Amino acid sequence: MTMETIIHNGVTLAVIQEDQLVIHDVQDALDLMAEARYLGSDCLILAAENLDPAFFDLKTRLAGEILQKFSNYRMRLAIVGDFSGFQSKSLKDFIKESNRTGRIIFVPTVEEARQLLSGK
């Protein structure tokens, strides 16, 4: 797994550079958070494709468990992808509420993730 850090507007961002699954469960998310912190970042950007598909099925509770860890450890997360294809109203509401609070954001591009996580 490849993670790089970039500095955007004075904020260090950790970016996952993989086009495969890297988060299968809560422990994988904790490991990524630890690596990001080791690299000096409290913000992580990853692609939707890096998440187990079960993450987007709220009935599995995987999203809630993972995102609770990000909240508990005060790490911001941007998930980049096209979320328009999801039909679940509860998932759409979940994404909307997450974006409203701003700790976990769902955005279409890495550039938008960089802007929002760096506060600029």
C-alpha atoms as a PDB file:
ATOM      1  CA  MET A   1       0.000   0.000   0.000  1.00  0.00           C
ATOM      2  CA  THR A   2       1.315   3.401  -0.966  1.00  0.00           C
ATOM      3  CA  MET A   3       0.601   6.512   1.072  1.00  0.00           C
ATOM      4  CA  GLU A   4       2.139   9.866   0.268  1.00  0.00           C
ATOM      5  CA  THR A   5       1.945  13.152   2.068  1.00  0.00           C
ATOM      6  CA  ILE A   6       1.427  16.500   0.453  1.00  0.00           C
ATOM      7  CA  ILE A   7       1.324  19.933   1.996  1.00  0.00           C
ATOM      8  CA  HIS A   8      -1.609  21.968   0.789  1.00  0.00           C
ATOM      9  CA  ASN A   9      -2.110  25.484   2.134  1.00  0.00           C
ATOM     10  CA  GLY A  10       0.140  24.638   5.067  1.00  0.00           C
ATOM     11  CA  VAL A  11      -1.737  21.461   6.029  1.00  0.00           C
ATOM     12  CA  THR A  12      -0.134  18.025   5.724  1.00  0.00           C
ATOM     13  CA  LEU A  13      -2.474  15.612   3.961  1.00  0.00           C
ATOM     14  CA  ALA A  14      -1.940  11.857   3.672  1.00  0.00           C
ATOM     15  CA  VAL A  15      -3.151  10.451   0.354  1.00  0.00           C
ATOM     16  CA  ILE A  16      -3.644   6.762  -0.422  1.00  0.00           C
ATOM     17  CA  GLN A  17      -2.183   6.011  -3.852  1.00  0.00           C
ATOM     18  CA  GLU A  18      -3.830   2.660  -4.612  1.00  0.00           C
ATOM     19  CA  ASP A  19      -6.581   1.569  -6.967  1.00  0.00           C
ATOM     20  CA  GLN A  20      -7.483  -1.507  -4.980  1.00  0.00           C
ATOM     21  CA  LEU A  21      -9.104  -2.304  -1.638  1.00  0.00           C
ATOM     22  CA  VAL A  22      -7.063  -1.168   1.332  1.00  0.00           C
ATOM     23  CA  ILE A  23      -9.775  -1.010   4.011  1.00  0.00           C
ATOM     24  CA  HIS A  24     -11.535  -4.307   4.565  1.00  0.00           C
ATOM     25  CA  ASP A  25     -12.339  -3.802   8.234  1.00  0.00           C
ATOM     26  CA  VAL A  26     -11.934  -1.486  11.209  1.00  0.00           C
ATOM     27  CA  GLN A  27      -8.378  -2.650  11.922  1.00  0.00           C
ATOM     28  CA  ASP A  28      -7.280  -1.664   8.399  1.00  0.00           C
ATOM     29  CA  ALA A  29      -8.666   1.829   9.019  1.00  0.00           C
ATOM     30  CA  LEU A  30      -6.832   2.071  12.350  1.00  0.00           C
ATOM     31  CA  ASP A  31      -3.597   0.989  10.666  1.00  0.00           C
ATOM     32  CA  LEU A  32      -4.003   3.698   8.004  1.00  0.00           C
ATOM     33  CA  MET A  33      -4.683   6.321  10.640  1.00  0.00           C
ATOM     34  CA  ALA A  34      -1.553   5.281  12.526  1.00  0.00           C
ATOM     35  CA  GLU A  35       0.558   5.486   9.372  1.00  0.00           C
ATOM     36  CA  ALA A  36      -0.878   8.894   8.461  1.00  0.00           C
ATOM     37  CA  ARG A  37      -0.102  10.182  11.958  1.00  0.00           C
ATOM     38  CA  TYR A  38       3.411   8.756  11.739  1.00  0.00           C
ATOM     39  CA  LEU A  39       3.820  10.774   8.519  1.00  0.00           C
ATOM     40  CA  GLY A  40       2.660  13.921  10.339  1.00  0.00           C
ATOM     41  CA  SER A  41      -0.911  14.163   9.074  1.00  0.00           C
ATOM     42  CA  ASP A  42      -4.290  14.238  10.771  1.00  0.00           C
ATOM     43  CA  CYS A  43      -6.108  14.190   7.413  1.00  0.00           C
ATOM     44  CA  LEU A  44      -6.476  11.227   5.074  1.00  0.00           C
ATOM     45  CA  ILE A  45      -7.693  11.157   1.470  1.00  0.00           C
ATOM     46  CA  LEU A  46      -8.696   7.898  -0.176  1.00  0.00           C
ATOM     47  CA  ALA A  47     -10.780   6.723  -3.111  1.00  0.00           C
ATOM     48  CA  ALA A  48     -14.145   5.063  -2.654  1.00  0.00           C
ATOM     49  CA  GLU A  49     -12.638   2.040  -4.433  1.00  0.00           C
ATOM     50  CA  ASN A  50     -10.206   1.648  -1.518  1.00  0.00           C
ATOM     51  CA  LEU A  51     -13.128   0.750   0.759  1.00  0.00           C
ATOM     52  CA  ASP A  52     -14.787  -2.636   1.000  1.00  0.00           C
ATOM     53  CA  PRO A  53     -18.154  -2.417  -0.816  1.00  0.00           C
ATOM     54  CA  ALA A  54     -19.823  -3.376   2.475  1.00  0.00           C
ATOM     55  CA  PHE A  55     -18.866   0.102   3.693  1.00  0.00           C
ATOM     56  CA  PHE A  56     -21.584   1.560   1.454  1.00  0.00           C
ATOM     57  CA  ASP A  57     -24.244  -0.851   2.746  1.00  0.00           C
ATOM     58  CA  LEU A  58     -25.170   0.843   6.013  1.00  0.00           C
ATOM     59  CA  LYS A  59     -26.877  -2.311   7.300  1.00  0.00           C
ATOM     60  CA  THR A  60     -23.417  -3.887   7.740  1.00  0.00           C
ATOM     61  CA  ARG A  61     -22.479  -1.089  10.178  1.00  0.00           C
ATOM     62  CA  LEU A  62     -18.949  -1.085   8.723  1.00  0.00           C
ATOM     63  CA  ALA A  63     -19.154   2.589   7.752  1.00  0.00           C
ATOM     64  CA  GLY A  64     -20.353   3.593  11.196  1.00  0.00           C
ATOM     65  CA  GLU A  65     -17.647   1.605  12.960  1.00  0.00           C
ATOM     66  CA  ILE A  66     -14.863   2.937  10.744  1.00  0.00           C
ATOM     67  CA  LEU A  67     -16.014   6.536  10.778  1.00  0.00           C
ATOM     68  CA  GLN A  68     -16.437   6.419  14.562  1.00  0.00           C
ATOM     69  CA  LYS A  69     -12.731   5.549  14.828  1.00  0.00           C
ATOM     70  CA  PHE A  70     -11.821   8.536  12.645  1.00  0.00           C
ATOM     71  CA  SER A  71     -13.946  10.732  14.891  1.00  0.00           C
ATOM     72  CA  ASN A  72     -12.563   9.263  18.137  1.00  0.00           C
ATOM     73  CA  TYR A  73      -8.976   9.762  16.988  1.00  0.00           C
ATOM     74  CA  ARG A  74      -9.728  13.235  15.604  1.00  0.00           C
ATOM     75  CA  MET A  75      -8.593  12.427  12.102  1.00  0.00           C
ATOM     76  CA  ARG A  76     -10.377  14.002   9.161  1.00  0.00           C
ATOM     77  CA  LEU A  77     -11.198  11.795   6.181  1.00  0.00           C
ATOM     78  CA  ALA A  78     -12.075  12.569   2.582  1.00  0.00           C
ATOM     79  CA  ILE A  79     -13.547   9.797   0.465  1.00  0.00           C
ATOM     80  CA  VAL A  80     -13.248  10.593  -3.227  1.00  0.00           C
ATOM     81  CA  GLY A  81     -15.604   9.143  -5.805  1.00  0.00           C
ATOM     82  CA  ASP A  82     -18.844   9.322  -7.706  1.00  0.00           C
ATOM     83  CA  PHE A  83     -21.602   8.639  -5.210  1.00  0.00           C
ATOM     84  CA  SER A  84     -24.498   9.487  -7.549  1.00  0.00           C
ATOM     85  CA  GLY A  85     -25.017   5.835  -8.471  1.00  0.00           C
ATOM     86  CA  PHE A  86     -26.027   4.799  -4.977  1.00  0.00           C
ATOM     87  CA  GLN A  87     -29.783   4.395  -4.688  1.00  0.00           C
ATOM     88  CA  SER A  88     -30.087   4.033  -0.916  1.00  0.00           C
ATOM     89  CA  LYS A  89     -31.827   7.029   0.630  1.00  0.00           C
ATOM     90  CA  SER A  90     -30.229   6.294   3.982  1.00  0.00           C
ATOM     91  CA  LEU A  91     -26.758   6.292   2.392  1.00  0.00           C
ATOM     92  CA  LYS A  92     -27.471   9.549   0.566  1.00  0.00           C
ATOM     93  CA  ASP A  93     -28.650  11.085   3.859  1.00  0.00           C
ATOM     94  CA  PHE A  94     -25.559   9.733   5.602  1.00  0.00           C
ATOM     95  CA  ILE A  95     -23.267  11.313   2.998  1.00  0.00           C
ATOM     96  CA  LYS A  96     -25.136  14.611   3.186  1.00  0.00           C
ATOM     97  CA  GLU A  97     -24.926  14.715   6.996  1.00  0.00           C
ATOM     98  CA  SER A  98     -21.239  13.765   6.963  1.00  0.00           C
ATOM     99  CA  ASN A  99     -20.480  16.549   4.494  1.00  0.00           C
ATOM    100  CA  ARG A 100     -22.442  19.004   6.632  1.00  0.00           C
ATOM    101  CA  THR A 101     -20.396  18.297   9.756  1.00  0.00           C
ATOM    102  CA  GLY A 102     -17.111  18.263   7.821  1.00  0.00           C
ATOM    103  CA  ARG A 103     -14.992  15.752   9.755  1.00  0.00           C
ATOM    104  CA  ILE A 104     -15.728  13.042   7.168  1.00  0.00           C
ATOM    105  CA  ILE A 105     -16.426  14.285   3.661  1.00  0.00           C
ATOM    106  CA  PHE A 106     -17.494  12.610   0.454  1.00  0.00           C
ATOM    107  CA  VAL A 107     -16.275  14.542  -2.593  1.00  0.00           C
ATOM    108  CA  PRO A 108     -15.938  13.950  -6.348  1.00  0.00           C
ATOM    109  CA  THR A 109     -12.273  14.948  -6.757  1.00  0.00           C
ATOM    110  CA  VAL A 110      -8.973  14.835  -4.915  1.00  0.00           C
ATOM    111  CA  GLU A 111      -8.580  18.577  -5.523  1.00  0.00           C
ATOM    112  CA  GLU A 112     -11.866  19.291  -3.733  1.00  0.00           C
ATOM    113  CA  ALA A 113     -10.728  17.030  -0.871  1.00  0.00           C
ATOM    114  CA  ARG A 114      -7.474  18.976  -0.620  1.00  0.00           C
ATOM    115  CA  GLN A 115      -9.297  22.293  -0.537  1.00  0.00           C
ATOM    116  CA  LEU A 116     -11.833  21.249   2.082  1.00  0.00           C
ATOM    117  CA  LEU A 117      -9.368  19.462   4.365  1.00  0.00           C
ATOM    118  CA  SER A 118      -6.918  22.345   4.263  1.00  0.00           C
ATOM    119  CA  GLY A 119      -9.630  24.874   5.029  1.00  0.00           C
ATOM    120  CA  LYS A 120      -8.999  26.884   1.878  1.00  0.00           C
END
